[in-house]
PDB file of N, CA and C in Angstrom:
ATOM      1  N   MET A   1       2.974   0.370 -15.705  1.00  0.00           N
ATOM      2  CA  MET A   1       3.842  -0.816 -14.528  1.00  0.00           C
ATOM      3  C   MET A   1       4.377  -0.403 -13.452  1.00  0.00           C
ATOM      4  N   GLY A   2       4.012   0.871 -12.598  1.00  0.00           N
ATOM      5  CA  GLY A   2       4.457   1.139 -11.881  1.00  0.00           C
ATOM      6  C   GLY A   2       3.120   1.974 -11.001  1.00  0.00           C
ATOM      7  N   TYR A   3       3.833   2.729  -9.552  1.00  0.00           N
ATOM      8  CA  TYR A   3       3.612   4.070  -9.553  1.00  0.00           C
ATOM      9  C   TYR A   3       3.684   4.793  -8.945  1.00  0.00           C
ATOM     10  N   LEU A   4       3.804   5.530  -9.379  1.00  0.00           N
ATOM     11  CA  LEU A   4       4.949   7.159  -8.741  1.00  0.00           C
ATOM     12  C   LEU A   4       4.219   7.859  -7.470  1.00  0.00           C
ATOM     13  N   VAL A   5       5.338   7.517  -6.332  1.00  0.00           N
ATOM     14  CA  VAL A   5       4.378   8.070  -5.594  1.00  0.00           C
ATOM     15  C   VAL A   5       5.587   9.523  -4.392  1.00  0.00           C
ATOM     16  N   THR A   6       5.327  10.796  -4.370  1.00  0.00           N
ATOM     17  CA  THR A   6       5.833  11.418  -3.600  1.00  0.00           C
ATOM     18  C   THR A   6       5.873  11.120  -2.507  1.00  0.00           C
ATOM     19  N   GLU A   7       7.390  10.809  -2.947  1.00  0.00           N
ATOM     20  CA  GLU A   7       8.249  10.701  -1.291  1.00  0.00           C
ATOM     21  C   GLU A   7       8.850  12.325  -0.589  1.00  0.00           C
ATOM     22  N   GLN A   8       8.745  13.499  -0.892  1.00  0.00           N
ATOM     23  CA  GLN A   8       8.952  14.596  -0.501  1.00  0.00           C
ATOM     24  C   GLN A   8       8.155  15.877  -1.347  1.00  0.00           C
ATOM     25  N   LEU A   9       7.640  16.126  -0.754  1.00  0.00           N
ATOM     26  CA  LEU A   9       6.309  17.438  -0.752  1.00  0.00           C
ATOM     27  C   LEU A   9       7.459  18.869  -1.135  1.00  0.00           C
ATOM     28  N   PRO A  10       6.746  19.027  -1.991  1.00  0.00           N
ATOM     29  CA  PRO A  10       7.680  20.465  -1.965  1.00  0.00           C
ATOM     30  C   PRO A  10       8.774  21.321  -1.258  1.00  0.00           C
ATOM     31  N   THR A  11       9.481  21.770  -1.422  1.00  0.00           N
ATOM     32  CA  THR A  11       9.689  22.581  -0.144  1.00  0.00           C
ATOM     33  C   THR A  11      11.085  23.392  -0.614  1.00  0.00           C
ATOM     34  N   THR A  12      11.275  24.646   0.179  1.00  0.00           N
ATOM     35  CA  THR A  12      11.725  25.510  -1.121  1.00  0.00           C
ATOM     36  C   THR A  12      13.605  25.591   0.842  1.00  0.00           C
ATOM     37  N   GLU A  13      14.496  25.813  -0.397  1.00  0.00           N
ATOM     38  CA  GLU A  13      15.373  27.331   1.013  1.00  0.00           C
ATOM     39  C   GLU A  13      15.909  28.428   0.106  1.00  0.00           C
ATOM     40  N   ASP A  14      16.033  29.455   0.366  1.00  0.00           N
ATOM     41  CA  ASP A  14      16.419  30.637   0.639  1.00  0.00           C
ATOM     42  C   ASP A  14      17.834  30.917   0.978  1.00  0.00           C
ATOM     43  N   PHE A  15      18.609  31.233  -0.014  1.00  0.00           N
ATOM     44  CA  PHE A  15      19.412  32.140   0.610  1.00  0.00           C
ATOM     45  C   PHE A  15      19.689  33.185   0.447  1.00  0.00           C
ATOM     46  N   ARG A  16      20.331  34.397   1.147  1.00  0.00           N
ATOM     47  CA  ARG A  16      20.168  35.615   0.507  1.00  0.00           C
ATOM     48  C   ARG A  16      21.447  36.380   1.462  1.00  0.00           C
ATOM     49  N   ASP A  17      22.275  37.207   0.479  1.00  0.00           N
ATOM     50  CA  ASP A  17      23.429  38.058   0.760  1.00  0.00           C
ATOM     51  C   ASP A  17      23.465  39.335   0.640  1.00  0.00           C
ATOM     52  N   PRO A  18      22.392  40.080   1.511  1.00  0.00           N
ATOM     53  CA  PRO A  18      22.700  41.253   1.193  1.00  0.00           C
ATOM     54  C   PRO A  18      23.345  42.141   1.265  1.00  0.00           C
ATOM     55  N   GLU A  19      24.805  41.761   1.542  1.00  0.00           N
ATOM     56  CA  GLU A  19      25.687  43.029   1.439  1.00  0.00           C
ATOM     57  C   GLU A  19      26.163  42.988   0.306  1.00  0.00           C
ATOM     58  N   ARG A  20      26.040  41.893  -1.024  1.00  0.00           N
ATOM     59  CA  ARG A  20      26.378  41.670  -1.993  1.00  0.00           C
ATOM     60  C   ARG A  20      24.637  41.668  -2.772  1.00  0.00           C
ATOM     61  N   ASP A  21      23.674  41.818  -2.680  1.00  0.00           N
ATOM     62  CA  ASP A  21      22.167  42.022  -3.088  1.00  0.00           C
ATOM     63  C   ASP A  21      22.271  40.760  -4.067  1.00  0.00           C
ATOM     64  N   ILE A  22      22.086  38.980  -3.409  1.00  0.00           N
ATOM     65  CA  ILE A  22      21.734  38.153  -3.803  1.00  0.00           C
ATOM     66  C   ILE A  22      20.466  37.563  -3.039  1.00  0.00           C
ATOM     67  N   ARG A  23      20.107  37.274  -4.058  1.00  0.00           N
ATOM     68  CA  ARG A  23      18.866  36.164  -3.569  1.00  0.00           C
ATOM     69  C   ARG A  23      19.050  34.477  -4.324  1.00  0.00           C
ATOM     70  N   HIS A  24      18.655  33.352  -3.926  1.00  0.00           N
ATOM     71  CA  HIS A  24      18.845  32.369  -4.347  1.00  0.00           C
ATOM     72  C   HIS A  24      17.807  31.489  -4.343  1.00  0.00           C
ATOM     73  N   LEU A  25      16.700  30.888  -4.176  1.00  0.00           N
ATOM     74  CA  LEU A  25      16.059  30.296  -4.461  1.00  0.00           C
ATOM     75  C   LEU A  25      15.888  28.876  -4.890  1.00  0.00           C
ATOM     76  N   LYS A  26      15.669  27.656  -4.103  1.00  0.00           N
ATOM     77  CA  LYS A  26      15.474  26.436  -4.604  1.00  0.00           C
ATOM     78  C   LYS A  26      15.100  25.595  -4.284  1.00  0.00           C
ATOM     79  N   ILE A  27      13.463  24.969  -4.908  1.00  0.00           N
ATOM     80  CA  ILE A  27      12.668  24.064  -5.036  1.00  0.00           C
ATOM     81  C   ILE A  27      12.714  23.095  -5.024  1.00  0.00           C
ATOM     82  N   THR A  28      13.054  21.664  -3.566  1.00  0.00           N
ATOM     83  CA  THR A  28      13.147  20.464  -3.852  1.00  0.00           C
ATOM     84  C   THR A  28      12.088  19.735  -3.912  1.00  0.00           C
ATOM     85  N   GLU A  29      11.454  18.695  -4.474  1.00  0.00           N
ATOM     86  CA  GLU A  29      11.286  17.371  -4.313  1.00  0.00           C
ATOM     87  C   GLU A  29      11.331  15.861  -4.942  1.00  0.00           C
ATOM     88  N   ARG A  30      10.944  14.898  -4.059  1.00  0.00           N
ATOM     89  CA  ARG A  30      11.374  13.723  -4.554  1.00  0.00           C
ATOM     90  C   ARG A  30       9.949  12.994  -4.868  1.00  0.00           C
ATOM     91  N   TYR A  31      10.781  12.008  -5.427  1.00  0.00           N
ATOM     92  CA  TYR A  31       9.271  10.937  -5.722  1.00  0.00           C
ATOM     93  C   TYR A  31      10.462   9.751  -5.796  1.00  0.00           C
ATOM     94  N   ALA A  32       9.605   8.366  -5.648  1.00  0.00           N
ATOM     95  CA  ALA A  32      10.072   6.820  -5.540  1.00  0.00           C
ATOM     96  C   ALA A  32       9.125   6.642  -6.141  1.00  0.00           C
ATOM     97  N   ILE A  33       9.426   5.691  -7.378  1.00  0.00           N
ATOM     98  CA  ILE A  33       8.791   4.829  -8.068  1.00  0.00           C
ATOM     99  C   ILE A  33       8.422   3.003  -7.264  1.00  0.00           C
ATOM    100  N   ALA A  34       6.488   2.940  -7.147  1.00  0.00           N
ATOM    101  CA  ALA A  34       6.722   1.285  -6.669  1.00  0.00           C
ATOM    102  C   ALA A  34       6.975   0.587  -7.522  1.00  0.00           C
ATOM    103  N   PRO A  35       6.878  -0.559  -7.731  1.00  0.00           N
ATOM    104  CA  PRO A  35       5.604  -1.924  -8.343  1.00  0.00           C
ATOM    105  C   PRO A  35       4.827  -1.936  -8.487  1.00  0.00           C
ATOM    106  N   LYS A  36       3.607  -2.082 -10.022  1.00  0.00           N
ATOM    107  CA  LYS A  36       2.066  -2.393  -9.293  1.00  0.00           C
ATOM    108  C   LYS A  36       1.934  -4.059  -8.809  1.00  0.00           C
ATOM    109  N   TYR A  37       1.303  -4.855  -8.347  1.00  0.00           N
ATOM    110  CA  TYR A  37       0.675  -6.601  -8.649  1.00  0.00           C
ATOM    111  C   TYR A  37       2.388  -6.862  -7.586  1.00  0.00           C
ATOM    112  N   GLU A  38       2.777  -6.466  -7.173  1.00  0.00           N
ATOM    113  CA  GLU A  38       4.349  -6.927  -5.934  1.00  0.00           C
ATOM    114  C   GLU A  38       5.060  -7.898  -7.259  1.00  0.00           C
ATOM    115  N   GLY A  39       5.683  -6.599  -8.471  1.00  0.00           N
ATOM    116  CA  GLY A  39       6.535  -6.882  -9.466  1.00  0.00           C
ATOM    117  C   GLY A  39       6.385  -7.872 -10.223  1.00  0.00           C
ATOM    118  N   GLN A  40       4.641  -8.267 -10.683  1.00  0.00           N
ATOM    119  CA  GLN A  40       4.864  -9.536 -11.333  1.00  0.00           C
ATOM    120  C   GLN A  40       4.716  -8.865 -13.062  1.00  0.00           C
ATOM    121  N   ALA A  41       4.624  -8.348 -12.659  1.00  0.00           N
ATOM    122  CA  ALA A  41       4.768  -7.759 -15.024  1.00  0.00           C
ATOM    123  C   ALA A  41       5.534  -7.193 -14.827  1.00  0.00           C
ATOM    124  N   ILE A  42       7.039  -7.615 -14.288  1.00  0.00           N
ATOM    125  CA  ILE A  42       8.380  -6.963 -14.620  1.00  0.00           C
ATOM    126  C   ILE A  42       9.239  -8.074 -15.299  1.00  0.00           C
ATOM    127  N   GLY A  43       9.622  -7.986 -15.747  1.00  0.00           N
ATOM    128  CA  GLY A  43      10.451  -8.427 -17.183  1.00  0.00           C
ATOM    129  C   GLY A  43      11.428  -8.795 -17.492  1.00  0.00           C
ATOM    130  N   VAL A  44      12.692  -9.404 -17.194  1.00  0.00           N
ATOM    131  CA  VAL A  44      13.902  -9.281 -17.930  1.00  0.00           C
ATOM    132  C   VAL A  44      14.184  -9.325 -19.514  1.00  0.00           C
ATOM    133  N   ILE A  45      14.663  -8.315 -20.378  1.00  0.00           N
ATOM    134  CA  ILE A  45      15.118  -8.398 -21.852  1.00  0.00           C
ATOM    135  C   ILE A  45      16.223  -8.704 -21.843  1.00  0.00           C
ATOM    136  N   LYS A  46      16.999  -9.591 -22.167  1.00  0.00           N
ATOM    137  CA  LYS A  46      18.744 -10.518 -22.523  1.00  0.00           C
ATOM    138  C   LYS A  46      19.326  -9.852 -23.570  1.00  0.00           C
ATOM    139  N   GLU A  47      20.570  -9.507 -23.905  1.00  0.00           N
ATOM    140  CA  GLU A  47      20.883  -9.402 -24.895  1.00  0.00           C
ATOM    141  C   GLU A  47      20.424  -8.072 -25.741  1.00  0.00           C
ATOM    142  N   VAL A  48      20.460  -6.823 -24.537  1.00  0.00           N
ATOM    143  CA  VAL A  48      19.757  -4.993 -25.791  1.00  0.00           C
ATOM    144  C   VAL A  48      20.891  -4.651 -24.923  1.00  0.00           C
ATOM    145  N   PRO A  49      22.247  -4.347 -25.987  1.00  0.00           N
ATOM    146  CA  PRO A  49      22.896  -3.586 -26.394  1.00  0.00           C
ATOM    147  C   PRO A  49      22.988  -1.818 -25.220  1.00  0.00           C
ATOM    148  N   VAL A  50      23.125  -0.999 -24.015  1.00  0.00           N
ATOM    149  CA  VAL A  50      22.975  -0.391 -24.056  1.00  0.00           C
ATOM    150  C   VAL A  50      23.735   0.919 -24.363  1.00  0.00           C
ATOM    151  N   VAL A  51      24.145   1.975 -24.976  1.00  0.00           N
ATOM    152  CA  VAL A  51      24.046   2.900 -25.446  1.00  0.00           C
ATOM    153  C   VAL A  51      24.351   3.909 -25.291  1.00  0.00           C
ATOM    154  N   LYS A  52      25.344   4.900 -24.659  1.00  0.00           N
ATOM    155  CA  LYS A  52      24.799   5.909 -24.377  1.00  0.00           C
ATOM    156  C   LYS A  52      24.876   7.390 -26.078  1.00  0.00           C
ATOM    157  N   THR A  53      23.603   8.519 -25.434  1.00  0.00           N
ATOM    158  CA  THR A  53      23.342   8.576 -26.714  1.00  0.00           C
ATOM    159  C   THR A  53      23.497  10.655 -26.255  1.00  0.00           C
ATOM    160  N   TYR A  54      23.447  10.943 -27.366  1.00  0.00           N
ATOM    161  CA  TYR A  54      23.584  12.192 -27.457  1.00  0.00           C
ATOM    162  C   TYR A  54      22.164  13.014 -28.337  1.00  0.00           C
ATOM    163  N   ASP A  55      22.171  14.101 -27.557  1.00  0.00           N
ATOM    164  CA  ASP A  55      20.800  14.737 -28.628  1.00  0.00           C
ATOM    165  C   ASP A  55      21.707  15.126 -30.118  1.00  0.00           C
ATOM    166  N   ILE A  56      20.398  14.977 -31.036  1.00  0.00           N
ATOM    167  CA  ILE A  56      21.596  16.126 -32.478  1.00  0.00           C
ATOM    168  C   ILE A  56      21.368  17.922 -31.718  1.00  0.00           C
ATOM    169  N   VAL A  57      23.424  18.157 -31.989  1.00  0.00           N
ATOM    170  CA  VAL A  57      23.521  19.676 -32.447  1.00  0.00           C
ATOM    171  C   VAL A  57      21.673  20.397 -33.062  1.00  0.00           C
ATOM    172  N   PRO A  58      21.319  21.427 -33.218  1.00  0.00           N
ATOM    173  CA  PRO A  58      20.572  22.455 -33.804  1.00  0.00           C
ATOM    174  C   PRO A  58      21.581  23.481 -34.714  1.00  0.00           C
ATOM    175  N   VAL A  59      20.886  23.491 -35.130  1.00  0.00           N
ATOM    176  CA  VAL A  59      22.035  24.049 -36.662  1.00  0.00           C
ATOM    177  C   VAL A  59      20.919  25.029 -37.114  1.00  0.00           C
ATOM    178  N   TYR A  60      22.054  26.073 -36.326  1.00  0.00           N
ATOM    179  CA  TYR A  60      21.351  27.523 -36.801  1.00  0.00           C
ATOM    180  C   TYR A  60      22.336  27.848 -38.541  1.00  0.00           C
ATOM    181  N   THR A  61      20.802  28.788 -39.313  1.00  0.00           N
ATOM    182  CA  THR A  61      21.753  29.131 -40.411  1.00  0.00           C
ATOM    183  C   THR A  61      20.919  30.456 -40.928  1.00  0.00           C
ATOM    184  N   LYS A  62      21.471  31.302 -41.554  1.00  0.00           N
ATOM    185  CA  LYS A  62      21.514  32.902 -41.265  1.00  0.00           C
ATOM    186  C   LYS A  62      20.607  33.152 -42.439  1.00  0.00           C
ATOM    187  N   GLU A  63      19.277  33.681 -42.523  1.00  0.00           N
ATOM    188  CA  GLU A  63      18.440  33.819 -43.392  1.00  0.00           C
ATOM    189  C   GLU A  63      19.381  35.156 -43.989  1.00  0.00           C
ATOM    190  N   ILE A  64      19.466  35.228 -45.230  1.00  0.00           N
ATOM    191  CA  ILE A  64      19.323  36.541 -46.334  1.00  0.00           C
ATOM    192  C   ILE A  64      18.475  37.545 -47.303  1.00  0.00           C
TER     193      ILE A  64
END
């Protein structure tokens, strides 16, 4: 239905605190979505309910 375009190449941000011996590293990248065929393949679906969903919490049992 569209193209996934790289808006920003991966960049890194580095934070260092030598007094506390802390180092943080963050990698950021951004993407954008562009429709194909000038958006002619995009349609509208009416009367579809949108609800919040949650993943099922896994249940761990202890085997004897």
